[in-house]
Amino acid sequence: MERVIQLITQVGGIDSMNPDANIYEAGFSSVRVLELLLALEEEFGVSIPDKEFMVARTPQQISGLIDSLRERQMA
C-alpha cells in the first residue's frame, strides 16, 4: 500500500494521501487517473482492467485490486 500511495502522490502532484481518501476528491482529473493506471501497471507488473480500476477510488481499494490481480495471474 505504501508504494501505491507514493505513486498516487507523485502522479497527482499532491503532498500526502490518506489510505481511505478518494483520489477523485483529491483532485485527480481523467488524464491523471490514466497516468496513474499506467504507472501502477508498470510498477506492479499487472494489467488492470479499466472497469475494475474505475471502481477502486482509494489507495486501500487500489492496493487490494492489485493484490487480487497478482493472485489471479499466479493461479
N, C-alpha and C. Protein backbone atom coordinates (compact mmCIF):
# COMPACT_ATOMS: atom_id res chain seq x y z
N MET A 1 0.82 -1.19 0.00
CA MET A 1 0.00 0.00 0.00
C MET A 1 0.86 1.26 0.00
N GLU A 2 1.99 1.20 0.68
CA GLU A 2 2.85 2.37 0.76
C GLU A 2 3.31 2.82 -0.63
N ARG A 3 3.68 1.86 -1.48
CA ARG A 3 4.13 2.21 -2.83
C ARG A 3 2.96 2.75 -3.66
N VAL A 4 1.77 2.23 -3.47
CA VAL A 4 0.59 2.75 -4.17
C VAL A 4 0.38 4.22 -3.80
N ILE A 5 0.47 4.53 -2.52
CA ILE A 5 0.30 5.92 -2.07
C ILE A 5 1.40 6.80 -2.65
N GLN A 6 2.64 6.30 -2.70
CA GLN A 6 3.73 7.08 -3.28
C GLN A 6 3.44 7.41 -4.75
N LEU A 7 2.98 6.43 -5.49
CA LEU A 7 2.66 6.68 -6.90
C LEU A 7 1.51 7.67 -7.04
N ILE A 8 0.51 7.54 -6.20
CA ILE A 8 -0.63 8.47 -6.25
C ILE A 8 -0.17 9.90 -6.00
N THR A 9 0.65 10.09 -4.99
CA THR A 9 1.12 11.45 -4.68
C THR A 9 2.04 11.98 -5.77
N GLN A 10 2.89 11.13 -6.33
CA GLN A 10 3.78 11.56 -7.41
C GLN A 10 2.99 11.95 -8.66
N VAL A 11 2.13 11.08 -9.10
CA VAL A 11 1.36 11.33 -10.32
C VAL A 11 0.40 12.50 -10.13
N GLY A 12 -0.21 12.57 -8.95
CA GLY A 12 -1.19 13.62 -8.69
C GLY A 12 -0.60 14.95 -8.29
N GLY A 13 0.71 14.96 -7.99
CA GLY A 13 1.34 16.21 -7.56
C GLY A 13 0.78 16.72 -6.25
N ILE A 14 0.46 15.77 -5.35
CA ILE A 14 -0.07 16.15 -4.04
C ILE A 14 0.90 15.72 -2.95
N ASP A 15 0.81 16.37 -1.80
CA ASP A 15 1.77 16.14 -0.72
C ASP A 15 1.56 14.82 0.00
N SER A 16 0.30 14.47 0.25
CA SER A 16 0.03 13.24 1.01
C SER A 16 -1.33 12.70 0.61
N MET A 17 -1.56 11.46 1.01
CA MET A 17 -2.82 10.81 0.66
C MET A 17 -3.16 9.81 1.76
N ASN A 18 -4.34 9.94 2.30
CA ASN A 18 -4.84 9.00 3.30
C ASN A 18 -5.26 7.72 2.59
N PRO A 19 -4.99 6.54 3.17
CA PRO A 19 -5.36 5.28 2.52
C PRO A 19 -6.85 5.16 2.18
N ASP A 20 -7.70 5.87 2.90
CA ASP A 20 -9.14 5.78 2.66
C ASP A 20 -9.70 6.99 1.91
N ALA A 21 -8.82 7.89 1.45
CA ALA A 21 -9.26 9.09 0.74
C ALA A 21 -9.55 8.78 -0.72
N ASN A 22 -10.55 9.41 -1.27
CA ASN A 22 -10.95 9.24 -2.66
C ASN A 22 -10.00 10.03 -3.57
N ILE A 23 -9.38 9.35 -4.54
CA ILE A 23 -8.43 10.04 -5.40
C ILE A 23 -9.10 11.12 -6.25
N TYR A 24 -10.36 10.92 -6.59
CA TYR A 24 -11.08 11.92 -7.38
C TYR A 24 -11.35 13.18 -6.56
N GLU A 25 -11.66 12.99 -5.29
CA GLU A 25 -11.87 14.14 -4.41
C GLU A 25 -10.57 14.86 -4.10
N ALA A 26 -9.44 14.16 -4.28
CA ALA A 26 -8.13 14.77 -4.06
C ALA A 26 -7.69 15.60 -5.27
N GLY A 27 -8.52 15.62 -6.33
CA GLY A 27 -8.24 16.47 -7.46
C GLY A 27 -7.73 15.77 -8.71
N PHE A 28 -7.81 14.44 -8.75
CA PHE A 28 -7.36 13.73 -9.94
C PHE A 28 -8.32 13.97 -11.10
N SER A 29 -7.76 14.39 -12.23
CA SER A 29 -8.53 14.53 -13.46
C SER A 29 -8.50 13.19 -14.19
N SER A 30 -9.26 13.07 -15.26
CA SER A 30 -9.27 11.82 -16.02
C SER A 30 -7.89 11.54 -16.61
N VAL A 31 -7.16 12.57 -16.99
CA VAL A 31 -5.81 12.40 -17.53
C VAL A 31 -4.87 11.86 -16.45
N ARG A 32 -4.96 12.42 -15.26
CA ARG A 32 -4.12 11.95 -14.14
C ARG A 32 -4.46 10.52 -13.75
N VAL A 33 -5.74 10.17 -13.81
CA VAL A 33 -6.15 8.80 -13.48
C VAL A 33 -5.53 7.83 -14.49
N LEU A 34 -5.53 8.19 -15.75
CA LEU A 34 -4.92 7.34 -16.77
C LEU A 34 -3.41 7.22 -16.53
N GLU A 35 -2.76 8.32 -16.20
CA GLU A 35 -1.33 8.28 -15.88
C GLU A 35 -1.07 7.37 -14.68
N LEU A 36 -1.93 7.45 -13.69
CA LEU A 36 -1.79 6.60 -12.51
C LEU A 36 -1.97 5.13 -12.88
N LEU A 37 -2.97 4.83 -13.68
CA LEU A 37 -3.21 3.45 -14.11
C LEU A 37 -1.97 2.88 -14.79
N LEU A 38 -1.39 3.64 -15.70
CA LEU A 38 -0.20 3.17 -16.42
C LEU A 38 0.98 3.00 -15.47
N ALA A 39 1.15 3.92 -14.54
CA ALA A 39 2.25 3.82 -13.57
C ALA A 39 2.09 2.60 -12.67
N LEU A 40 0.86 2.33 -12.25
CA LEU A 40 0.60 1.16 -11.40
C LEU A 40 0.86 -0.14 -12.16
N GLU A 41 0.41 -0.19 -13.40
CA GLU A 41 0.63 -1.40 -14.20
C GLU A 41 2.12 -1.66 -14.39
N GLU A 42 2.87 -0.61 -14.65
CA GLU A 42 4.32 -0.77 -14.84
C GLU A 42 5.00 -1.16 -13.54
N GLU A 43 4.66 -0.50 -12.47
CA GLU A 43 5.30 -0.75 -11.17
C GLU A 43 5.04 -2.17 -10.66
N PHE A 44 3.81 -2.63 -10.80
CA PHE A 44 3.43 -3.91 -10.19
C PHE A 44 3.34 -5.07 -11.19
N GLY A 45 3.57 -4.79 -12.47
CA GLY A 45 3.59 -5.84 -13.47
C GLY A 45 2.25 -6.54 -13.67
N VAL A 46 1.18 -5.78 -13.56
CA VAL A 46 -0.16 -6.33 -13.76
C VAL A 46 -0.89 -5.52 -14.82
N SER A 47 -1.86 -6.15 -15.44
CA SER A 47 -2.76 -5.46 -16.36
C SER A 47 -4.05 -5.21 -15.60
N ILE A 48 -4.38 -3.95 -15.40
CA ILE A 48 -5.55 -3.58 -14.59
C ILE A 48 -6.71 -3.26 -15.53
N PRO A 49 -7.77 -4.06 -15.50
CA PRO A 49 -8.94 -3.77 -16.35
C PRO A 49 -9.56 -2.41 -15.98
N ASP A 50 -9.89 -1.65 -17.00
CA ASP A 50 -10.46 -0.31 -16.78
C ASP A 50 -11.67 -0.34 -15.85
N LYS A 51 -12.58 -1.29 -16.10
CA LYS A 51 -13.81 -1.35 -15.30
C LYS A 51 -13.51 -1.56 -13.82
N GLU A 52 -12.53 -2.40 -13.52
CA GLU A 52 -12.18 -2.65 -12.12
C GLU A 52 -11.46 -1.46 -11.51
N PHE A 53 -10.62 -0.81 -12.31
CA PHE A 53 -9.87 0.33 -11.79
C PHE A 53 -10.79 1.51 -11.49
N MET A 54 -11.82 1.70 -12.31
CA MET A 54 -12.70 2.85 -12.12
C MET A 54 -13.51 2.79 -10.83
N VAL A 55 -13.70 1.60 -10.27
CA VAL A 55 -14.44 1.49 -9.01
C VAL A 55 -13.52 1.52 -7.80
N ALA A 56 -12.22 1.37 -8.03
CA ALA A 56 -11.24 1.45 -6.94
C ALA A 56 -10.84 2.92 -6.79
N ARG A 57 -11.41 3.58 -5.80
CA ARG A 57 -11.24 5.03 -5.70
C ARG A 57 -10.32 5.48 -4.57
N THR A 58 -9.87 4.56 -3.75
CA THR A 58 -8.99 4.92 -2.64
C THR A 58 -7.69 4.11 -2.76
N PRO A 59 -6.61 4.58 -2.14
CA PRO A 59 -5.38 3.79 -2.15
C PRO A 59 -5.60 2.38 -1.60
N GLN A 60 -6.42 2.26 -0.57
CA GLN A 60 -6.72 0.95 0.02
C GLN A 60 -7.38 0.04 -1.02
N GLN A 61 -8.37 0.55 -1.74
CA GLN A 61 -9.06 -0.23 -2.76
C GLN A 61 -8.14 -0.57 -3.93
N ILE A 62 -7.33 0.38 -4.34
CA ILE A 62 -6.39 0.15 -5.45
C ILE A 62 -5.37 -0.92 -5.06
N SER A 63 -4.86 -0.83 -3.86
CA SER A 63 -3.91 -1.83 -3.37
C SER A 63 -4.54 -3.22 -3.34
N GLY A 64 -5.76 -3.31 -2.85
CA GLY A 64 -6.48 -4.58 -2.82
C GLY A 64 -6.71 -5.13 -4.21
N LEU A 65 -7.04 -4.26 -5.16
CA LEU A 65 -7.24 -4.68 -6.53
C LEU A 65 -5.95 -5.26 -7.11
N ILE A 66 -4.85 -4.58 -6.88
CA ILE A 66 -3.56 -5.05 -7.39
C ILE A 66 -3.22 -6.41 -6.78
N ASP A 67 -3.42 -6.57 -5.48
CA ASP A 67 -3.16 -7.86 -4.83
C ASP A 67 -4.02 -8.95 -5.45
N SER A 68 -5.27 -8.66 -5.69
CA SER A 68 -6.20 -9.63 -6.28
C SER A 68 -5.76 -10.01 -7.69
N LEU A 69 -5.35 -9.03 -8.47
CA LEU A 69 -4.91 -9.30 -9.84
C LEU A 69 -3.63 -10.13 -9.86
N ARG A 70 -2.74 -9.86 -8.95
CA ARG A 70 -1.50 -10.65 -8.86
C ARG A 70 -1.80 -12.10 -8.50
N GLU A 71 -2.74 -12.30 -7.58
CA GLU A 71 -3.13 -13.65 -7.22
C GLU A 71 -3.77 -14.39 -8.40
N ARG A 72 -4.62 -13.69 -9.13
CA ARG A 72 -5.26 -14.30 -10.30
C ARG A 72 -4.24 -14.68 -11.37
N GLN A 73 -3.23 -13.85 -11.55
CA GLN A 73 -2.22 -14.13 -12.56
C GLN A 73 -1.34 -15.32 -12.17
N MET A 74 -1.18 -15.54 -10.87
CA MET A 74 -0.36 -16.66 -10.40
C MET A 74 -1.11 -17.98 -10.48
N ALA A 75 -2.43 -17.92 -10.45
CA ALA A 75 -3.24 -19.15 -10.43
C ALA A 75 -3.26 -19.84 -11.78
